[in-house]
Amino acid sequence: MQQKLDFRFLYRGVNAELYRAAKAKLSPKAPGQEFKRHIYWGEEVYWGDGSVFGESETNAVIMHQRDSGKYPTSGISTTPVFENAVRYATHDRKYPSGYVYKIDVKLFDLYGVKAFSIDQYALRPAIPSDQEVILVASDLGAIPENVIVEIIEVTSPSP
């Protein structure tokens, strides 16, 4: 069942180098991998963090939001907060510019995109202010271009 989101757009910020390397596509770190994760206690899983025994989407959501570099999935992290996406695109002013993808939530059902709102899974989100939503394409690959309604070039905010 598709999760209902309370906002119309989500945003994903990437630096210019990553944008060019990906040819403007939003591809996951582990394409083709089923969006589930088997966890075991002691693996940075904590009592009361929302994890469940065995393999599940819930565990994939929790571990992805905790550290998608260490626990790569077929999901893509997004935020409904445009300013946070700008921060990610410029890596807190490390890069002079970047790109923010504007993604239309209303097109998810039409193009087979599943959304996982972190606050519905993780009892203690890693970065609560992001209001992170993980997107997973039905083919477990790149997010369909049709749900990306705009790509905005952004510059690093002034200190």
N, C-alpha and C. Protein backbone atom coordinates (compact mmCIF):
# COMPACT_ATOMS: atom_id res chain seq x y z
N MET A 1 0.84 -1.18 0.00
CA MET A 1 0.00 0.00 0.00
C MET A 1 0.88 1.25 0.00
N GLN A 2 0.56 2.20 -0.85
CA GLN A 2 1.33 3.45 -0.95
C GLN A 2 1.07 4.32 0.27
N GLN A 3 2.14 4.81 0.85
CA GLN A 3 2.03 5.68 2.01
C GLN A 3 1.58 7.07 1.58
N LYS A 4 0.63 7.67 2.30
CA LYS A 4 0.16 9.01 1.99
C LYS A 4 1.14 10.03 2.56
N LEU A 5 1.56 10.95 1.72
CA LEU A 5 2.48 12.00 2.15
C LEU A 5 1.71 13.32 2.26
N ASP A 6 2.11 14.15 3.19
CA ASP A 6 1.40 15.40 3.46
C ASP A 6 1.94 16.60 2.68
N PHE A 7 2.70 16.37 1.63
CA PHE A 7 3.26 17.46 0.85
C PHE A 7 3.24 17.08 -0.62
N ARG A 8 3.33 18.06 -1.48
CA ARG A 8 3.22 17.84 -2.92
C ARG A 8 4.57 17.50 -3.54
N PHE A 9 5.65 18.13 -3.05
CA PHE A 9 6.96 17.94 -3.68
C PHE A 9 8.01 17.44 -2.69
N LEU A 10 8.93 16.66 -3.22
CA LEU A 10 10.11 16.23 -2.49
C LEU A 10 11.32 16.75 -3.27
N TYR A 11 12.45 16.86 -2.58
CA TYR A 11 13.65 17.40 -3.19
C TYR A 11 14.85 16.51 -2.88
N ARG A 12 15.75 16.45 -3.84
CA ARG A 12 16.99 15.70 -3.68
C ARG A 12 18.12 16.58 -4.17
N GLY A 13 19.08 16.90 -3.31
CA GLY A 13 20.21 17.72 -3.69
C GLY A 13 21.45 16.89 -3.96
N VAL A 14 22.13 17.19 -5.07
CA VAL A 14 23.39 16.50 -5.41
C VAL A 14 24.40 17.54 -5.89
N ASN A 15 25.68 17.26 -5.65
CA ASN A 15 26.70 18.20 -6.13
C ASN A 15 26.85 18.08 -7.64
N ALA A 16 27.47 19.08 -8.24
CA ALA A 16 27.57 19.16 -9.70
C ALA A 16 28.32 17.96 -10.29
N GLU A 17 29.35 17.50 -9.61
CA GLU A 17 30.14 16.37 -10.10
C GLU A 17 29.29 15.09 -10.15
N LEU A 18 28.54 14.84 -9.11
CA LEU A 18 27.67 13.67 -9.07
C LEU A 18 26.55 13.79 -10.11
N TYR A 19 26.03 14.98 -10.26
CA TYR A 19 24.97 15.23 -11.25
C TYR A 19 25.47 14.88 -12.66
N ARG A 20 26.67 15.34 -13.00
CA ARG A 20 27.23 15.05 -14.33
C ARG A 20 27.55 13.57 -14.49
N ALA A 21 28.13 12.96 -13.46
CA ALA A 21 28.50 11.55 -13.53
C ALA A 21 27.26 10.66 -13.70
N ALA A 22 26.16 11.04 -13.06
CA ALA A 22 24.92 10.26 -13.13
C ALA A 22 24.09 10.60 -14.36
N LYS A 23 24.58 11.55 -15.17
CA LYS A 23 23.85 12.00 -16.36
C LYS A 23 22.43 12.45 -15.99
N ALA A 24 22.35 13.16 -14.88
CA ALA A 24 21.11 13.76 -14.37
C ALA A 24 20.08 12.75 -13.89
N LYS A 25 20.45 11.48 -13.78
CA LYS A 25 19.52 10.46 -13.29
C LYS A 25 19.65 10.33 -11.76
N LEU A 26 18.57 9.95 -11.12
CA LEU A 26 18.59 9.67 -9.68
C LEU A 26 18.64 8.16 -9.50
N SER A 27 19.85 7.64 -9.40
CA SER A 27 20.04 6.19 -9.27
C SER A 27 20.46 5.83 -7.85
N PRO A 28 19.97 4.70 -7.34
CA PRO A 28 20.33 4.28 -5.99
C PRO A 28 21.75 3.71 -5.93
N LYS A 29 22.27 3.59 -4.72
CA LYS A 29 23.61 3.03 -4.52
C LYS A 29 23.64 1.53 -4.76
N ALA A 30 22.50 0.85 -4.60
CA ALA A 30 22.43 -0.60 -4.80
C ALA A 30 21.26 -0.93 -5.74
N PRO A 31 21.39 -0.54 -7.02
CA PRO A 31 20.29 -0.82 -7.96
C PRO A 31 20.04 -2.32 -8.10
N GLY A 32 18.76 -2.67 -8.26
CA GLY A 32 18.40 -4.07 -8.45
C GLY A 32 18.27 -4.86 -7.16
N GLN A 33 18.72 -4.30 -6.06
CA GLN A 33 18.64 -4.99 -4.78
C GLN A 33 17.25 -4.82 -4.18
N GLU A 34 16.63 -5.92 -3.80
CA GLU A 34 15.31 -5.83 -3.19
C GLU A 34 15.37 -4.90 -1.99
N PHE A 35 14.37 -4.03 -1.83
CA PHE A 35 14.36 -3.06 -0.74
C PHE A 35 13.89 -3.73 0.55
N LYS A 36 14.75 -4.59 1.06
CA LYS A 36 14.54 -5.28 2.33
C LYS A 36 15.91 -5.48 2.95
N ARG A 37 15.92 -5.63 4.24
CA ARG A 37 17.19 -5.86 4.93
C ARG A 37 16.96 -6.82 6.08
N HIS A 38 17.84 -7.80 6.18
CA HIS A 38 17.85 -8.71 7.31
C HIS A 38 18.79 -8.09 8.35
N ILE A 39 18.35 -8.00 9.55
CA ILE A 39 19.21 -7.44 10.59
C ILE A 39 19.44 -8.48 11.68
N TYR A 40 20.50 -8.26 12.42
CA TYR A 40 20.76 -9.07 13.59
C TYR A 40 21.18 -8.14 14.72
N TRP A 41 20.84 -8.51 15.92
CA TRP A 41 21.12 -7.65 17.08
C TRP A 41 22.62 -7.52 17.26
N GLY A 42 23.04 -6.30 17.51
CA GLY A 42 24.46 -5.99 17.66
C GLY A 42 25.00 -5.29 16.42
N GLU A 43 24.24 -5.30 15.33
CA GLU A 43 24.65 -4.68 14.08
C GLU A 43 24.11 -3.24 14.02
N GLU A 44 24.49 -2.44 14.99
CA GLU A 44 23.99 -1.07 15.06
C GLU A 44 22.47 -1.04 15.08
N VAL A 45 21.89 -2.08 15.60
CA VAL A 45 20.45 -2.14 15.79
C VAL A 45 20.24 -2.04 17.30
N TYR A 46 19.32 -1.19 17.68
CA TYR A 46 19.14 -0.92 19.09
C TYR A 46 17.72 -1.23 19.51
N TRP A 47 17.58 -1.73 20.72
CA TRP A 47 16.26 -2.00 21.27
C TRP A 47 15.44 -0.72 21.20
N GLY A 48 14.27 -0.80 20.60
CA GLY A 48 13.39 0.35 20.54
C GLY A 48 13.67 1.31 19.41
N ASP A 49 14.50 0.93 18.41
CA ASP A 49 14.76 1.85 17.29
C ASP A 49 13.76 1.68 16.14
N GLY A 50 12.88 0.69 16.26
CA GLY A 50 11.88 0.44 15.22
C GLY A 50 12.19 -0.79 14.39
N SER A 51 13.41 -1.34 14.50
CA SER A 51 13.78 -2.53 13.74
C SER A 51 12.92 -3.71 14.15
N VAL A 52 12.77 -4.63 13.22
CA VAL A 52 12.00 -5.83 13.48
C VAL A 52 12.84 -7.06 13.17
N PHE A 53 12.49 -8.18 13.76
CA PHE A 53 13.23 -9.42 13.55
C PHE A 53 13.07 -9.88 12.11
N GLY A 54 14.15 -10.35 11.53
CA GLY A 54 14.11 -10.92 10.18
C GLY A 54 14.33 -9.88 9.10
N GLU A 55 13.91 -10.24 7.89
CA GLU A 55 14.10 -9.38 6.72
C GLU A 55 12.84 -8.57 6.48
N SER A 56 13.01 -7.24 6.29
CA SER A 56 11.82 -6.41 6.07
C SER A 56 12.18 -5.08 5.43
N GLU A 57 11.16 -4.43 4.86
CA GLU A 57 11.31 -3.07 4.36
C GLU A 57 11.59 -2.12 5.52
N THR A 58 10.96 -2.36 6.66
CA THR A 58 11.19 -1.52 7.83
C THR A 58 12.67 -1.43 8.17
N ASN A 59 13.34 -2.58 8.18
CA ASN A 59 14.77 -2.60 8.49
C ASN A 59 15.58 -1.86 7.43
N ALA A 60 15.18 -2.01 6.16
CA ALA A 60 15.88 -1.30 5.08
C ALA A 60 15.75 0.21 5.27
N VAL A 61 14.56 0.67 5.63
CA VAL A 61 14.33 2.10 5.85
C VAL A 61 15.21 2.60 6.99
N ILE A 62 15.19 1.90 8.11
CA ILE A 62 15.93 2.34 9.30
C ILE A 62 17.43 2.37 9.03
N MET A 63 17.96 1.33 8.43
CA MET A 63 19.42 1.28 8.20
C MET A 63 19.83 2.28 7.10
N HIS A 64 19.01 2.45 6.07
CA HIS A 64 19.32 3.41 5.00
C HIS A 64 19.42 4.82 5.58
N GLN A 65 18.44 5.22 6.38
CA GLN A 65 18.46 6.59 6.91
C GLN A 65 19.57 6.77 7.93
N ARG A 66 19.98 5.70 8.55
CA ARG A 66 21.06 5.80 9.52
C ARG A 66 22.39 6.05 8.82
N ASP A 67 22.65 5.32 7.71
CA ASP A 67 23.92 5.49 6.99
C ASP A 67 23.83 4.76 5.65
N SER A 68 23.37 5.46 4.62
CA SER A 68 23.18 4.82 3.32
C SER A 68 24.50 4.45 2.64
N GLY A 69 25.60 5.04 3.08
CA GLY A 69 26.90 4.65 2.55
C GLY A 69 27.32 3.29 3.08
N LYS A 70 27.06 3.07 4.34
CA LYS A 70 27.41 1.80 4.99
C LYS A 70 26.38 0.71 4.70
N TYR A 71 25.12 1.12 4.57
CA TYR A 71 24.02 0.19 4.32
C TYR A 71 23.29 0.60 3.04
N PRO A 72 23.92 0.42 1.87
CA PRO A 72 23.30 0.86 0.62
C PRO A 72 22.04 0.05 0.30
N THR A 73 21.09 0.73 -0.34
CA THR A 73 19.84 0.09 -0.73
C THR A 73 19.47 0.54 -2.14
N SER A 74 18.32 0.09 -2.58
CA SER A 74 17.78 0.53 -3.87
C SER A 74 16.92 1.78 -3.70
N GLY A 75 17.04 2.42 -2.54
CA GLY A 75 16.28 3.63 -2.26
C GLY A 75 17.09 4.90 -2.47
N ILE A 76 16.38 6.02 -2.63
CA ILE A 76 16.95 7.35 -2.80
C ILE A 76 16.39 8.23 -1.70
N SER A 77 17.26 8.90 -0.94
CA SER A 77 16.82 9.80 0.12
C SER A 77 16.36 11.14 -0.47
N THR A 78 15.23 11.64 0.06
CA THR A 78 14.71 12.94 -0.35
C THR A 78 14.21 13.67 0.90
N THR A 79 13.87 14.94 0.72
CA THR A 79 13.31 15.75 1.79
C THR A 79 12.24 16.68 1.22
N PRO A 80 11.22 17.00 2.00
CA PRO A 80 10.25 18.00 1.53
C PRO A 80 10.74 19.43 1.79
N VAL A 81 11.92 19.57 2.37
CA VAL A 81 12.46 20.88 2.75
C VAL A 81 13.50 21.30 1.70
N PHE A 82 13.12 22.25 0.84
CA PHE A 82 13.99 22.68 -0.25
C PHE A 82 15.36 23.15 0.26
N GLU A 83 15.39 23.93 1.33
CA GLU A 83 16.64 24.46 1.87
C GLU A 83 17.58 23.33 2.30
N ASN A 84 17.05 22.25 2.82
CA ASN A 84 17.89 21.11 3.19
C ASN A 84 18.49 20.46 1.95
N ALA A 85 17.72 20.38 0.87
CA ALA A 85 18.24 19.82 -0.38
C ALA A 85 19.37 20.69 -0.92
N VAL A 86 19.24 22.00 -0.81
CA VAL A 86 20.32 22.92 -1.23
C VAL A 86 21.57 22.65 -0.40
N ARG A 87 21.39 22.45 0.89
CA ARG A 87 22.52 22.16 1.77
C ARG A 87 23.24 20.87 1.33
N TYR A 88 22.47 19.85 0.98
CA TYR A 88 23.08 18.60 0.50
C TYR A 88 23.75 18.79 -0.86
N ALA A 89 23.15 19.58 -1.72
CA ALA A 89 23.72 19.82 -3.06
C ALA A 89 25.07 20.52 -2.98
N THR A 90 25.23 21.39 -2.01
CA THR A 90 26.49 22.14 -1.88
C THR A 90 27.37 21.61 -0.75
N HIS A 91 26.93 20.55 -0.12
CA HIS A 91 27.65 19.94 1.01
C HIS A 91 28.05 21.00 2.04
N ASP A 92 27.02 21.75 2.48
CA ASP A 92 27.25 22.83 3.47
C ASP A 92 28.35 23.79 3.02
N ARG A 93 28.23 24.25 1.79
CA ARG A 93 29.13 25.25 1.18
C ARG A 93 30.51 24.70 0.78
N LYS A 94 30.69 23.40 0.79
CA LYS A 94 31.95 22.81 0.31
C LYS A 94 32.08 23.02 -1.20
N TYR A 95 30.94 22.94 -1.90
CA TYR A 95 30.92 23.14 -3.35
C TYR A 95 30.21 24.46 -3.66
N PRO A 96 30.65 25.17 -4.69
CA PRO A 96 30.02 26.45 -5.00
C PRO A 96 28.62 26.31 -5.58
N SER A 97 28.32 25.14 -6.16
CA SER A 97 26.99 24.95 -6.76
C SER A 97 26.61 23.48 -6.75
N GLY A 98 25.37 23.24 -7.11
CA GLY A 98 24.87 21.88 -7.18
C GLY A 98 23.50 21.90 -7.85
N TYR A 99 22.80 20.79 -7.75
CA TYR A 99 21.49 20.65 -8.39
C TYR A 99 20.49 20.07 -7.41
N VAL A 100 19.26 20.57 -7.49
CA VAL A 100 18.17 20.04 -6.68
C VAL A 100 17.09 19.53 -7.62
N TYR A 101 16.75 18.26 -7.44
CA TYR A 101 15.67 17.65 -8.19
C TYR A 101 14.36 17.94 -7.47
N LYS A 102 13.37 18.41 -8.20
CA LYS A 102 12.03 18.64 -7.64
C LYS A 102 11.17 17.48 -8.13
N ILE A 103 10.61 16.74 -7.20
CA ILE A 103 9.91 15.49 -7.49
C ILE A 103 8.45 15.61 -7.08
N ASP A 104 7.55 15.29 -8.01
CA ASP A 104 6.12 15.42 -7.77
C ASP A 104 5.54 14.14 -7.17
N VAL A 105 5.12 14.22 -5.93
CA VAL A 105 4.57 13.10 -5.19
C VAL A 105 3.31 12.54 -5.86
N LYS A 106 2.53 13.41 -6.49
CA LYS A 106 1.25 12.98 -7.09
C LYS A 106 1.45 12.04 -8.29
N LEU A 107 2.67 11.93 -8.79
CA LEU A 107 2.95 11.07 -9.94
C LEU A 107 3.47 9.69 -9.54
N PHE A 108 3.65 9.44 -8.25
CA PHE A 108 4.25 8.18 -7.79
C PHE A 108 3.46 6.96 -8.20
N ASP A 109 2.15 6.96 -8.00
CA ASP A 109 1.34 5.79 -8.36
C ASP A 109 1.40 5.52 -9.86
N LEU A 110 1.33 6.57 -10.65
CA LEU A 110 1.34 6.45 -12.10
C LEU A 110 2.64 5.82 -12.62
N TYR A 111 3.78 6.16 -11.98
CA TYR A 111 5.08 5.70 -12.48
C TYR A 111 5.76 4.67 -11.57
N GLY A 112 5.02 4.11 -10.63
CA GLY A 112 5.54 3.01 -9.83
C GLY A 112 6.65 3.39 -8.87
N VAL A 113 6.48 4.46 -8.12
CA VAL A 113 7.46 4.87 -7.12
C VAL A 113 6.83 4.67 -5.74
N LYS A 114 7.53 3.98 -4.88
CA LYS A 114 7.07 3.74 -3.52
C LYS A 114 7.81 4.70 -2.59
N ALA A 115 7.09 5.30 -1.65
CA ALA A 115 7.67 6.27 -0.72
C ALA A 115 7.62 5.73 0.70
N PHE A 116 8.74 5.89 1.41
CA PHE A 116 8.85 5.46 2.81
C PHE A 116 9.24 6.67 3.65
N SER A 117 8.29 7.20 4.38
CA SER A 117 8.54 8.35 5.25
C SER A 117 9.23 7.85 6.52
N ILE A 118 10.44 8.34 6.77
CA ILE A 118 11.25 7.87 7.89
C ILE A 118 10.50 7.92 9.21
N ASP A 119 9.77 8.98 9.45
CA ASP A 119 9.12 9.12 10.75
C ASP A 119 8.03 8.08 10.99
N GLN A 120 7.65 7.33 9.96
CA GLN A 120 6.69 6.24 10.12
C GLN A 120 7.37 4.92 10.49
N TYR A 121 8.71 4.90 10.44
CA TYR A 121 9.46 3.66 10.67
C TYR A 121 10.46 3.78 11.82
N ALA A 122 11.30 4.79 11.75
CA ALA A 122 12.36 4.95 12.74
C ALA A 122 11.83 5.71 13.95
N LEU A 123 12.00 5.14 15.12
CA LEU A 123 11.52 5.80 16.33
C LEU A 123 12.40 6.99 16.69
N ARG A 124 13.66 6.94 16.26
CA ARG A 124 14.57 8.06 16.47
C ARG A 124 15.28 8.35 15.14
N PRO A 125 14.68 9.15 14.26
CA PRO A 125 15.32 9.44 12.97
C PRO A 125 16.71 10.05 13.16
N ALA A 126 17.62 9.71 12.27
CA ALA A 126 19.00 10.21 12.35
C ALA A 126 19.05 11.72 12.23
N ILE A 127 18.27 12.29 11.31
CA ILE A 127 18.24 13.75 11.11
C ILE A 127 16.76 14.16 11.03
N PRO A 128 16.11 14.36 12.17
CA PRO A 128 14.67 14.64 12.17
C PRO A 128 14.27 15.85 11.31
N SER A 129 15.12 16.88 11.27
CA SER A 129 14.76 18.09 10.52
C SER A 129 14.66 17.86 9.02
N ASP A 130 15.24 16.78 8.51
CA ASP A 130 15.13 16.48 7.08
C ASP A 130 13.75 15.97 6.69
N GLN A 131 13.01 15.40 7.64
CA GLN A 131 11.72 14.79 7.33
C GLN A 131 11.90 13.83 6.14
N GLU A 132 12.96 13.06 6.19
CA GLU A 132 13.39 12.22 5.07
C GLU A 132 12.32 11.25 4.59
N VAL A 133 12.26 11.12 3.26
CA VAL A 133 11.40 10.16 2.60
C VAL A 133 12.30 9.40 1.62
N ILE A 134 12.31 8.08 1.73
CA ILE A 134 13.11 7.25 0.82
C ILE A 134 12.20 6.80 -0.32
N LEU A 135 12.68 6.99 -1.55
CA LEU A 135 11.92 6.60 -2.73
C LEU A 135 12.54 5.36 -3.35
N VAL A 136 11.69 4.44 -3.78
CA VAL A 136 12.14 3.21 -4.43
C VAL A 136 11.31 3.02 -5.70
N ALA A 137 12.01 2.90 -6.82
CA ALA A 137 11.35 2.66 -8.11
C ALA A 137 10.89 1.21 -8.18
N SER A 138 9.82 0.96 -8.92
CA SER A 138 9.28 -0.40 -9.01
C SER A 138 10.28 -1.39 -9.61
N ASP A 139 11.20 -0.90 -10.46
CA ASP A 139 12.21 -1.79 -11.04
C ASP A 139 13.49 -1.81 -10.21
N LEU A 140 13.47 -1.15 -9.04
CA LEU A 140 14.60 -1.08 -8.11
C LEU A 140 15.81 -0.36 -8.71
N GLY A 141 15.56 0.46 -9.71
CA GLY A 141 16.63 1.22 -10.36
C GLY A 141 16.44 2.71 -10.16
N ALA A 142 16.78 3.47 -11.19
CA ALA A 142 16.68 4.93 -11.14
C ALA A 142 15.22 5.36 -10.97
N ILE A 143 15.04 6.48 -10.29
CA ILE A 143 13.71 7.05 -10.14
C ILE A 143 13.24 7.50 -11.53
N PRO A 144 12.03 7.14 -11.94
CA PRO A 144 11.56 7.51 -13.28
C PRO A 144 11.65 9.02 -13.52
N GLU A 145 12.19 9.37 -14.67
CA GLU A 145 12.36 10.78 -15.02
C GLU A 145 11.03 11.54 -15.03
N ASN A 146 9.94 10.85 -15.29
CA ASN A 146 8.63 11.50 -15.38
C ASN A 146 8.14 12.07 -14.05
N VAL A 147 8.66 11.60 -12.92
CA VAL A 147 8.24 12.17 -11.63
C VAL A 147 9.09 13.37 -11.25
N ILE A 148 10.20 13.57 -11.97
CA ILE A 148 11.08 14.73 -11.73
C ILE A 148 10.56 15.87 -12.60
N VAL A 149 9.97 16.86 -11.95
CA VAL A 149 9.31 17.94 -12.70
C VAL A 149 10.24 19.12 -12.96
N GLU A 150 11.37 19.17 -12.26
CA GLU A 150 12.30 20.28 -12.46
C GLU A 150 13.65 19.91 -11.85
N ILE A 151 14.71 20.36 -12.49
CA ILE A 151 16.05 20.25 -11.91
C ILE A 151 16.56 21.68 -11.80
N ILE A 152 16.84 22.08 -10.57
CA ILE A 152 17.18 23.47 -10.27
C ILE A 152 18.66 23.59 -9.94
N GLU A 153 19.37 24.42 -10.69
CA GLU A 153 20.78 24.67 -10.35
C GLU A 153 20.80 25.65 -9.18
N VAL A 154 21.55 25.31 -8.15
CA VAL A 154 21.62 26.14 -6.95
C VAL A 154 23.06 26.53 -6.67
N THR A 155 23.24 27.63 -5.96
CA THR A 155 24.57 28.05 -5.55
C THR A 155 24.68 27.94 -4.03
N SER A 156 25.90 27.83 -3.59
CA SER A 156 26.16 27.71 -2.17
C SER A 156 25.67 28.94 -1.43
N PRO A 157 24.89 28.76 -0.37
CA PRO A 157 24.39 29.94 0.38
C PRO A 157 25.53 30.68 1.06
N SER A 158 25.34 31.95 1.25
CA SER A 158 26.34 32.77 1.95
C SER A 158 26.41 32.35 3.41
N PRO A 159 27.62 32.45 4.00
CA PRO A 159 27.76 32.05 5.42
C PRO A 159 26.99 32.97 6.35
